[in-house]
Structure formats: structure tokens, C-alpha cells
Amino acid sequence: MNKLTFIRKSIIGAACLVIIAAGSGIAGHQTTYAATTTSTTAQPSQAASVSSLQKKAEIISIAKSLMGKVKYKFGVNNPSRLIFDCSSFTKYVFAKKGITLKWGSSAQSKQGKYVAKKNLQKGDLVFLSVAKPGKINHVGIYIGDGKFIHNTNGGSANGVIISNLSSYSSRYITARRVD
């Protein structure tokens, strides 16, 4: 069972328990009112959590769908021709789900909330140093299982690839969670 299915089933189960608990000892028409009121107040935060997980999964799906279609070019943000640098790629992908990112890996590293490497979740932005040691100059999207997707021009690659974050362990700088 995947995480999203588990969360949905947990929400439904919790709502059922609230309805049963609210109904004990209360008259029939009041039971309906109490259950509806309780259910309505409990739902928004849980729905937001499910919605956020779904949005992150969709962001990863969009990024993966661009593999083989996007070209890397330093300093370029050309959505009509699908030519991006690393940060204009993440900017483009997140914008597809209504999340505004600035252009530039350093600028993006100041958006959202800090995330420790051990707490990375799918959809988090990971920031690396690929040119000047210790300076943020590359960004990708964490996709889980120690991997991230990014737009790069390195070796034989020119475009969107999936890499192991462990291959960049000496160059890893920080991560951010944006919603």
C-alpha cells in the first residue's frame, strides 16, 4: 500500500470513529448534526496533507515526463523551446502546479523551509555545488530512494536526468521544501 492510499484510508477510518463516538448517547437528528460538524472540522487539515503529497507526486511526474525533451543551456529560461538551466527547469516544473520559484539556484535556496538531509521528502529541492566548492550553483528535485531529478550538462548528459544523491555527497549543500 502506498503512502497516499494509507493516508486516505486513515482519514476515512478516523472520520468513521468520530461519527460513531459522536452518535453514542445523542438523539438521531442530533447525531447527524454532530457527525457532520465533527467531520467537517477534522477534514481540511487532513485533506491539505493529502493534497500536498499529491501535488509533490505530480511535480515529480511532470519532471520525469520532460526527460529526453529538455535541453540544458547555462543562463537560459526558454519554456517555448524547452531549453533551461537547472533553476529555470525547477521553476518551470513547479509553476505547472501553481508554485512560484525565482530563477537562480541561489535565489531558490532561500525560498520555502529548510529541510535536513535526513528528512528529505519527495518534491523537496536539493542544492549542490558543482562548480565552485561550497557555493550553491545547482538545483534538483528529490524523488525519493536517495535520488533526484535535475537538468544538467555533464559528461554525456545534456538534459533532464535522474542521479543518486550519494554521488553528490561531497557537493550537497542544503534542501528546501516549498508548497
Protein backbone atom coordinates (compact mmCIF):
# COMPACT_ATOMS: atom_id res chain seq x y z
CA MET A 1 0.00 0.00 0.00
CA ASN A 2 1.48 3.32 -0.99
CA LYS A 3 1.69 6.29 1.37
CA LEU A 4 -1.18 8.22 -0.27
CA THR A 5 -3.56 5.21 -0.07
CA PHE A 6 -2.59 4.66 3.57
CA ILE A 7 -3.28 8.32 4.43
CA ARG A 8 -6.65 8.27 2.66
CA LYS A 9 -7.71 5.08 4.48
CA SER A 10 -6.54 6.56 7.80
CA ILE A 11 -8.61 9.71 7.21
CA ILE A 12 -11.72 7.68 6.36
CA GLY A 13 -11.18 5.44 9.41
CA ALA A 14 -10.73 8.42 11.72
CA ALA A 15 -13.87 10.06 10.34
CA CYS A 16 -15.86 6.86 10.97
CA LEU A 17 -14.65 6.73 14.58
CA VAL A 18 -15.65 10.36 15.10
CA ILE A 19 -19.13 9.65 13.71
CA ILE A 20 -19.59 6.59 15.94
CA ALA A 21 -18.32 8.42 19.03
CA ALA A 22 -20.49 11.45 18.30
CA GLY A 23 -23.57 9.26 17.85
CA SER A 24 -23.41 7.44 21.18
CA GLY A 25 -26.00 8.79 23.59
CA ILE A 26 -27.30 11.54 21.29
CA ALA A 27 -30.74 11.62 19.65
CA GLY A 28 -31.00 10.64 15.95
CA HIS A 29 -31.28 14.10 14.35
CA GLN A 30 -28.56 15.44 16.67
CA THR A 31 -26.28 12.53 15.73
CA THR A 32 -26.36 13.57 12.09
CA TYR A 33 -25.61 17.17 13.02
CA ALA A 34 -22.77 16.23 15.41
CA ALA A 35 -21.22 13.82 12.93
CA THR A 36 -21.40 16.35 10.11
CA THR A 37 -19.97 19.14 12.23
CA THR A 38 -17.13 17.00 13.59
CA SER A 39 -16.34 15.51 10.20
CA THR A 40 -16.24 18.92 8.53
CA THR A 41 -13.85 20.41 11.07
CA ALA A 42 -11.49 17.42 11.02
CA GLN A 43 -11.22 17.23 7.25
CA PRO A 44 -9.45 20.37 5.93
CA SER A 45 -6.02 19.85 7.51
CA GLN A 46 -6.01 16.17 6.59
CA ALA A 47 -7.15 16.96 3.05
CA ALA A 48 -4.42 19.60 2.75
CA SER A 49 -1.83 16.98 3.71
CA VAL A 50 -3.11 14.55 1.08
CA SER A 51 -3.30 17.38 -1.45
CA SER A 52 0.31 18.40 -0.73
CA LEU A 53 1.56 14.82 -1.19
CA GLN A 54 -0.40 14.50 -4.41
CA LYS A 55 0.99 17.83 -5.68
CA LYS A 56 4.57 16.68 -4.97
CA ALA A 57 3.94 13.39 -6.81
CA GLU A 58 2.59 15.36 -9.76
CA ILE A 59 5.65 17.65 -9.73
CA ILE A 60 7.92 14.60 -9.96
CA SER A 61 5.75 13.15 -12.73
CA ILE A 62 5.99 16.40 -14.73
CA ALA A 63 9.78 16.49 -14.28
CA LYS A 64 10.11 12.86 -15.43
CA SER A 65 7.86 13.50 -18.44
CA LEU A 66 10.40 16.08 -19.65
CA MET A 67 13.27 13.58 -19.83
CA GLY A 68 14.56 13.46 -23.40
CA LYS A 69 12.66 16.64 -24.31
CA VAL A 70 14.57 19.36 -22.45
CA LYS A 71 18.00 20.70 -23.35
CA TYR A 72 20.38 22.29 -20.85
CA LYS A 73 21.93 25.66 -21.54
CA PHE A 74 23.53 27.77 -18.83
CA GLY A 75 21.69 31.00 -18.09
CA VAL A 76 18.70 30.19 -20.32
CA ASN A 77 15.00 30.15 -19.47
CA ASN A 78 13.18 29.38 -22.73
CA PRO A 79 9.98 27.42 -22.00
CA SER A 80 8.70 27.62 -25.60
CA ARG A 81 11.76 25.69 -26.85
CA LEU A 82 12.25 23.66 -23.63
CA ILE A 83 15.77 25.00 -23.13
CA PHE A 84 16.60 25.61 -19.48
CA ASP A 85 19.41 25.81 -16.99
CA CYS A 86 18.92 23.83 -13.76
CA SER A 87 16.95 26.51 -11.90
CA SER A 88 14.73 27.57 -14.79
CA PHE A 89 13.86 23.87 -15.15
CA THR A 90 12.73 23.60 -11.50
CA LYS A 91 10.96 26.97 -11.88
CA TYR A 92 9.09 25.63 -14.93
CA VAL A 93 8.14 22.32 -13.33
CA PHE A 94 6.87 23.84 -10.06
CA ALA A 95 4.95 26.54 -11.96
CA LYS A 96 2.94 23.77 -13.66
CA LYS A 97 1.47 23.07 -10.19
CA GLY A 98 1.00 26.72 -9.22
CA ILE A 99 4.18 27.13 -7.15
CA THR A 100 6.24 30.21 -7.97
CA LEU A 101 10.01 29.87 -7.77
CA LYS A 102 12.57 32.54 -8.53
CA TRP A 103 15.12 31.98 -11.27
CA GLY A 104 18.56 31.04 -9.96
CA SER A 105 19.61 28.19 -7.69
CA SER A 106 20.92 30.57 -5.04
CA ALA A 107 17.63 32.53 -5.03
CA GLN A 108 15.59 29.29 -4.85
CA SER A 109 17.69 28.13 -1.89
CA LYS A 110 16.16 30.94 0.17
CA GLN A 111 12.54 30.03 -0.62
CA GLY A 112 10.35 27.71 1.43
CA LYS A 113 11.56 25.99 4.59
CA TYR A 114 14.91 24.41 5.41
CA VAL A 115 14.95 20.60 5.36
CA ALA A 116 17.70 18.48 6.90
CA LYS A 117 19.18 15.92 4.50
CA LYS A 118 17.94 13.06 6.69
CA ASN A 119 14.36 14.44 6.45
CA LEU A 120 14.15 14.81 2.67
CA GLN A 121 10.74 14.11 1.15
CA LYS A 122 9.69 13.67 -2.44
CA GLY A 123 9.37 17.06 -4.11
CA ASP A 124 11.96 18.85 -1.95
CA LEU A 125 14.53 20.99 -3.76
CA VAL A 126 18.14 19.90 -3.24
CA PHE A 127 21.00 22.35 -3.71
CA LEU A 128 24.53 21.45 -4.70
CA SER A 129 27.88 22.91 -5.57
CA VAL A 130 29.01 21.64 -8.95
CA ALA A 131 31.46 24.37 -9.96
CA LYS A 132 32.86 26.43 -7.10
CA PRO A 133 33.15 24.35 -3.88
CA GLY A 134 30.78 25.44 -1.11
CA LYS A 135 28.74 27.76 -3.33
CA ILE A 136 25.20 26.84 -4.40
CA ASN A 137 25.11 26.66 -8.17
CA HIS A 138 22.91 23.66 -8.97
CA VAL A 139 19.39 22.55 -8.01
CA GLY A 140 17.33 19.42 -8.49
CA ILE A 141 14.13 17.81 -7.20
CA TYR A 142 14.34 14.96 -4.69
CA ILE A 143 12.29 11.98 -5.94
CA GLY A 144 12.83 9.55 -3.07
CA ASP A 145 15.05 6.50 -2.54
CA GLY A 146 18.17 8.68 -2.44
CA LYS A 147 17.64 10.00 -5.98
CA PHE A 148 16.96 13.38 -7.53
CA ILE A 149 15.98 14.62 -10.96
CA HIS A 150 17.76 17.62 -12.47
CA ASN A 151 18.62 19.36 -15.72
CA THR A 152 22.33 19.21 -16.39
CA ASN A 153 25.09 19.32 -18.95
CA GLY A 154 27.68 16.94 -17.68
CA GLY A 155 29.57 14.09 -19.27
CA SER A 156 27.40 12.57 -21.97
CA ALA A 157 24.22 14.05 -20.50
CA ASN A 158 22.54 17.16 -21.80
CA GLY A 159 19.09 17.48 -20.34
CA VAL A 160 16.99 16.01 -17.59
CA ILE A 161 18.47 13.01 -15.78
CA ILE A 162 17.97 11.11 -12.52
CA SER A 163 21.04 10.82 -10.30
CA ASN A 164 21.91 9.27 -6.97
CA LEU A 165 22.24 11.96 -4.34
CA SER A 166 25.07 9.91 -2.79
CA SER A 167 27.13 10.59 -5.93
CA TYR A 168 26.98 14.27 -4.95
CA SER A 169 27.52 13.81 -1.19
CA SER A 170 30.67 15.97 -1.11
CA ARG A 171 28.85 18.68 -3.09
CA TYR A 172 25.49 18.61 -1.27
CA ILE A 173 24.75 21.92 0.49
CA THR A 174 21.11 22.14 1.61
CA ALA A 175 17.46 21.43 0.81
CA ARG A 176 14.22 23.39 0.91
CA ARG A 177 10.54 22.44 0.99
CA VAL A 178 8.27 24.75 -0.99
CA ASP A 179 4.49 24.49 -1.12
